[in-house]
């Protein structure tokens, strides 16, 4: 890429810049970011419509514990706070 086409690809500014350097994981702000852990929610097998809503919201069935697991934010959005299994 020539200097002129490089300037066109980067907003038209014709400037000398340092070459791109990848961000090391230790420099990333996302390395220590807390990923929300899913919470367990009790849903009866006969509640087909609710099961489909939970599944659409990213819920996953935990067969061993017989609960659905999904992020707390989704539990709150669906109004299922009273079904959380502790």
N, C-alpha and C. Protein backbone atom coordinates (compact mmCIF):
# COMPACT_ATOMS: atom_id res chain seq x y z
N UNK A 1 0.85 -1.15 0.00
CA UNK A 1 0.00 0.00 0.00
C UNK A 1 0.90 1.23 0.00
N UNK A 2 0.63 2.12 -0.89
CA UNK A 2 1.45 3.33 -0.96
C UNK A 2 1.03 4.30 0.13
N UNK A 3 1.85 5.30 0.32
CA UNK A 3 1.56 6.30 1.35
C UNK A 3 0.23 6.99 1.08
N UNK A 4 -0.08 7.26 -0.18
CA UNK A 4 -1.33 7.95 -0.51
C UNK A 4 -2.53 7.04 -0.25
N UNK A 5 -2.46 5.79 -0.69
CA UNK A 5 -3.60 4.90 -0.45
C UNK A 5 -3.73 4.58 1.04
N UNK A 6 -2.61 4.52 1.75
CA UNK A 6 -2.66 4.30 3.19
C UNK A 6 -3.41 5.45 3.86
N UNK A 7 -3.15 6.68 3.42
CA UNK A 7 -3.84 7.83 3.99
C UNK A 7 -5.34 7.76 3.70
N UNK A 8 -5.70 7.28 2.52
CA UNK A 8 -7.12 7.17 2.18
C UNK A 8 -7.82 6.13 3.03
N UNK A 9 -7.13 5.04 3.35
CA UNK A 9 -7.73 3.98 4.14
C UNK A 9 -7.85 4.33 5.62
N UNK A 10 -7.14 5.33 6.05
CA UNK A 10 -7.12 5.67 7.47
C UNK A 10 -7.63 7.09 7.70
N UNK A 11 -8.76 7.41 7.10
CA UNK A 11 -9.41 8.68 7.37
C UNK A 11 -8.81 9.87 6.66
N UNK A 12 -7.97 9.67 5.69
CA UNK A 12 -7.43 10.76 4.90
C UNK A 12 -6.23 11.45 5.53
N UNK A 13 -5.88 11.12 6.73
CA UNK A 13 -4.75 11.78 7.38
C UNK A 13 -3.45 11.18 6.85
N UNK A 14 -2.56 12.04 6.40
CA UNK A 14 -1.27 11.60 5.91
C UNK A 14 -0.25 11.84 7.03
N UNK A 15 -0.04 10.83 7.83
CA UNK A 15 0.87 11.00 8.97
C UNK A 15 1.70 9.74 9.14
N UNK A 16 2.83 9.93 9.73
CA UNK A 16 3.69 8.79 10.03
C UNK A 16 3.27 8.24 11.38
N UNK A 17 3.03 6.95 11.42
CA UNK A 17 2.63 6.31 12.66
C UNK A 17 3.53 5.13 12.92
N UNK A 18 3.63 4.79 14.19
CA UNK A 18 4.40 3.60 14.56
C UNK A 18 3.66 2.38 14.04
N UNK A 19 4.39 1.33 13.67
CA UNK A 19 3.71 0.13 13.21
C UNK A 19 2.83 -0.46 14.31
N UNK A 20 1.76 -1.12 13.89
CA UNK A 20 0.82 -1.71 14.83
C UNK A 20 1.50 -2.79 15.64
N UNK A 21 1.24 -2.80 16.93
CA UNK A 21 1.77 -3.82 17.83
C UNK A 21 0.59 -4.51 18.51
N UNK A 22 0.56 -5.83 18.54
CA UNK A 22 -0.56 -6.51 19.21
C UNK A 22 -0.51 -6.25 20.71
N UNK A 23 -1.66 -6.23 21.33
CA UNK A 23 -1.75 -6.01 22.77
C UNK A 23 -1.45 -7.33 23.47
N UNK A 24 -0.54 -7.28 24.43
CA UNK A 24 -0.24 -8.47 25.22
C UNK A 24 -1.39 -8.70 26.19
N UNK A 25 -1.64 -9.94 26.54
CA UNK A 25 -2.74 -10.25 27.44
C UNK A 25 -2.60 -9.53 28.77
N UNK A 26 -1.38 -9.34 29.25
CA UNK A 26 -1.20 -8.67 30.53
C UNK A 26 -1.58 -7.20 30.45
N UNK A 27 -1.61 -6.63 29.23
CA UNK A 27 -1.97 -5.24 29.06
C UNK A 27 -3.47 -5.05 28.84
N UNK A 28 -4.15 -6.11 28.58
CA UNK A 28 -5.56 -6.02 28.23
C UNK A 28 -6.41 -5.72 29.45
N UNK A 29 -7.41 -4.87 29.28
CA UNK A 29 -8.31 -4.56 30.39
C UNK A 29 -9.30 -5.69 30.62
N UNK A 30 -9.41 -6.61 29.68
CA UNK A 30 -10.39 -7.67 29.78
C UNK A 30 -9.87 -8.92 30.49
N UNK A 31 -8.58 -8.99 30.74
CA UNK A 31 -8.02 -10.19 31.34
C UNK A 31 -8.60 -10.44 32.72
N UNK A 32 -8.70 -9.41 33.52
CA UNK A 32 -9.18 -9.57 34.89
C UNK A 32 -10.66 -9.22 35.03
N UNK A 33 -11.33 -8.99 33.90
CA UNK A 33 -12.75 -8.65 33.98
C UNK A 33 -13.53 -9.86 34.49
N UNK A 34 -14.46 -9.59 35.36
CA UNK A 34 -15.25 -10.67 35.93
C UNK A 34 -16.33 -11.09 34.95
N UNK A 35 -16.35 -12.36 34.62
CA UNK A 35 -17.36 -12.90 33.74
C UNK A 35 -18.50 -13.39 34.63
N UNK A 36 -19.71 -12.92 34.36
CA UNK A 36 -20.81 -13.34 35.24
C UNK A 36 -21.03 -14.84 35.17
N UNK A 37 -21.12 -15.46 36.33
CA UNK A 37 -21.36 -16.90 36.39
C UNK A 37 -22.86 -17.14 36.29
N UNK A 38 -23.23 -18.20 35.61
CA UNK A 38 -24.66 -18.50 35.52
C UNK A 38 -25.21 -18.93 36.88
N UNK A 39 -26.48 -18.62 37.09
CA UNK A 39 -27.16 -19.04 38.30
C UNK A 39 -28.17 -20.12 37.95
N UNK A 40 -28.46 -20.96 38.92
CA UNK A 40 -29.40 -22.07 38.72
C UNK A 40 -30.82 -21.58 38.98
N UNK A 41 -31.73 -21.98 38.09
CA UNK A 41 -33.13 -21.59 38.20
C UNK A 41 -33.99 -22.84 38.06
N UNK A 42 -34.93 -23.00 38.97
CA UNK A 42 -35.83 -24.16 38.96
C UNK A 42 -36.97 -23.89 37.98
N UNK A 43 -37.13 -24.78 37.01
CA UNK A 43 -38.23 -24.70 36.04
C UNK A 43 -38.81 -26.10 35.89
N UNK A 44 -40.09 -26.22 36.07
CA UNK A 44 -40.76 -27.51 35.95
C UNK A 44 -40.80 -27.94 34.49
N UNK A 45 -40.69 -29.21 34.25
CA UNK A 45 -40.65 -29.72 32.87
C UNK A 45 -41.96 -29.46 32.13
N UNK A 46 -43.04 -29.21 32.85
CA UNK A 46 -44.33 -28.94 32.20
C UNK A 46 -44.48 -27.48 31.77
N UNK A 47 -43.56 -26.62 32.17
CA UNK A 47 -43.61 -25.20 31.81
C UNK A 47 -42.91 -24.97 30.47
N UNK A 48 -43.54 -25.48 29.42
CA UNK A 48 -42.93 -25.45 28.10
C UNK A 48 -42.60 -24.04 27.61
N UNK A 49 -43.55 -23.12 27.74
CA UNK A 49 -43.33 -21.76 27.25
C UNK A 49 -42.18 -21.10 28.00
N UNK A 50 -42.13 -21.27 29.31
CA UNK A 50 -41.06 -20.68 30.12
C UNK A 50 -39.71 -21.31 29.77
N UNK A 51 -39.71 -22.62 29.58
CA UNK A 51 -38.46 -23.29 29.19
C UNK A 51 -37.93 -22.73 27.88
N UNK A 52 -38.81 -22.47 26.93
CA UNK A 52 -38.39 -21.91 25.64
C UNK A 52 -37.85 -20.49 25.81
N UNK A 53 -38.47 -19.69 26.68
CA UNK A 53 -37.97 -18.34 26.94
C UNK A 53 -36.57 -18.38 27.55
N UNK A 54 -36.38 -19.27 28.50
CA UNK A 54 -35.08 -19.40 29.16
C UNK A 54 -34.03 -19.86 28.15
N UNK A 55 -34.40 -20.79 27.31
CA UNK A 55 -33.48 -21.29 26.30
C UNK A 55 -33.12 -20.17 25.32
N UNK A 56 -34.10 -19.38 24.92
CA UNK A 56 -33.85 -18.26 24.00
C UNK A 56 -32.95 -17.19 24.63
N UNK A 57 -33.01 -17.09 25.96
CA UNK A 57 -32.18 -16.11 26.68
C UNK A 57 -30.78 -16.64 26.97
N UNK A 58 -30.48 -17.86 26.49
CA UNK A 58 -29.15 -18.42 26.67
C UNK A 58 -29.05 -19.44 27.78
N UNK A 59 -30.17 -19.83 28.33
CA UNK A 59 -30.17 -20.81 29.42
C UNK A 59 -29.77 -22.19 28.94
N UNK A 60 -29.11 -22.93 29.81
CA UNK A 60 -28.67 -24.30 29.51
C UNK A 60 -29.14 -25.22 30.62
N UNK A 61 -29.59 -26.40 30.25
CA UNK A 61 -30.10 -27.38 31.20
C UNK A 61 -28.93 -28.12 31.84
N UNK A 62 -28.95 -28.21 33.16
CA UNK A 62 -27.98 -28.99 33.91
C UNK A 62 -28.71 -30.24 34.39
N UNK A 63 -28.52 -31.34 33.68
CA UNK A 63 -29.26 -32.57 33.96
C UNK A 63 -28.92 -33.15 35.33
N UNK A 64 -27.68 -33.00 35.77
CA UNK A 64 -27.28 -33.54 37.07
C UNK A 64 -28.03 -32.87 38.22
N UNK A 65 -28.17 -31.55 38.14
CA UNK A 65 -28.83 -30.80 39.21
C UNK A 65 -30.30 -30.52 38.91
N UNK A 66 -30.73 -30.86 37.70
CA UNK A 66 -32.11 -30.69 37.26
C UNK A 66 -32.58 -29.24 37.39
N UNK A 67 -31.72 -28.31 36.91
CA UNK A 67 -32.02 -26.88 36.89
C UNK A 67 -31.54 -26.31 35.56
N UNK A 68 -32.06 -25.14 35.23
CA UNK A 68 -31.54 -24.39 34.09
C UNK A 68 -30.54 -23.38 34.64
N UNK A 69 -29.49 -23.13 33.89
CA UNK A 69 -28.50 -22.14 34.31
C UNK A 69 -28.43 -21.05 33.26
N UNK A 70 -28.48 -19.80 33.73
CA UNK A 70 -28.33 -18.65 32.85
C UNK A 70 -27.83 -17.47 33.66
N UNK A 71 -27.28 -16.44 32.98
CA UNK A 71 -26.73 -15.29 33.70
C UNK A 71 -27.79 -14.58 34.54
N UNK A 72 -27.36 -14.03 35.65
CA UNK A 72 -28.27 -13.37 36.59
C UNK A 72 -29.06 -12.25 35.92
N UNK A 73 -28.43 -11.52 35.04
CA UNK A 73 -29.13 -10.44 34.34
C UNK A 73 -30.32 -10.95 33.54
N UNK A 74 -30.16 -12.12 32.93
CA UNK A 74 -31.26 -12.72 32.19
C UNK A 74 -32.34 -13.24 33.12
N UNK A 75 -31.93 -13.77 34.27
CA UNK A 75 -32.90 -14.23 35.26
C UNK A 75 -33.78 -13.06 35.69
N UNK A 76 -33.16 -11.92 35.96
CA UNK A 76 -33.91 -10.74 36.37
C UNK A 76 -34.80 -10.24 35.25
N UNK A 77 -34.28 -10.22 34.02
CA UNK A 77 -35.06 -9.74 32.88
C UNK A 77 -36.30 -10.58 32.65
N UNK A 78 -36.21 -11.87 32.93
CA UNK A 78 -37.34 -12.77 32.76
C UNK A 78 -38.25 -12.82 33.99
N UNK A 79 -37.85 -12.13 35.06
CA UNK A 79 -38.65 -12.12 36.28
C UNK A 79 -38.63 -13.44 37.03
N UNK A 80 -37.47 -14.12 37.01
CA UNK A 80 -37.37 -15.44 37.63
C UNK A 80 -36.56 -15.43 38.93
N UNK A 81 -36.41 -14.26 39.54
CA UNK A 81 -35.60 -14.16 40.75
C UNK A 81 -36.08 -15.06 41.88
N UNK A 82 -37.39 -15.29 41.96
CA UNK A 82 -37.92 -16.14 43.03
C UNK A 82 -37.69 -17.62 42.78
N UNK A 83 -37.15 -17.98 41.61
CA UNK A 83 -36.90 -19.38 41.27
C UNK A 83 -35.42 -19.76 41.37
N UNK A 84 -34.59 -18.83 41.82
CA UNK A 84 -33.15 -19.11 41.92
C UNK A 84 -32.91 -20.18 42.97
N UNK A 85 -32.10 -21.16 42.62
CA UNK A 85 -31.74 -22.24 43.54
C UNK A 85 -30.40 -21.88 44.16
N UNK A 86 -30.35 -21.84 45.47
CA UNK A 86 -29.12 -21.45 46.16
C UNK A 86 -28.34 -22.66 46.62
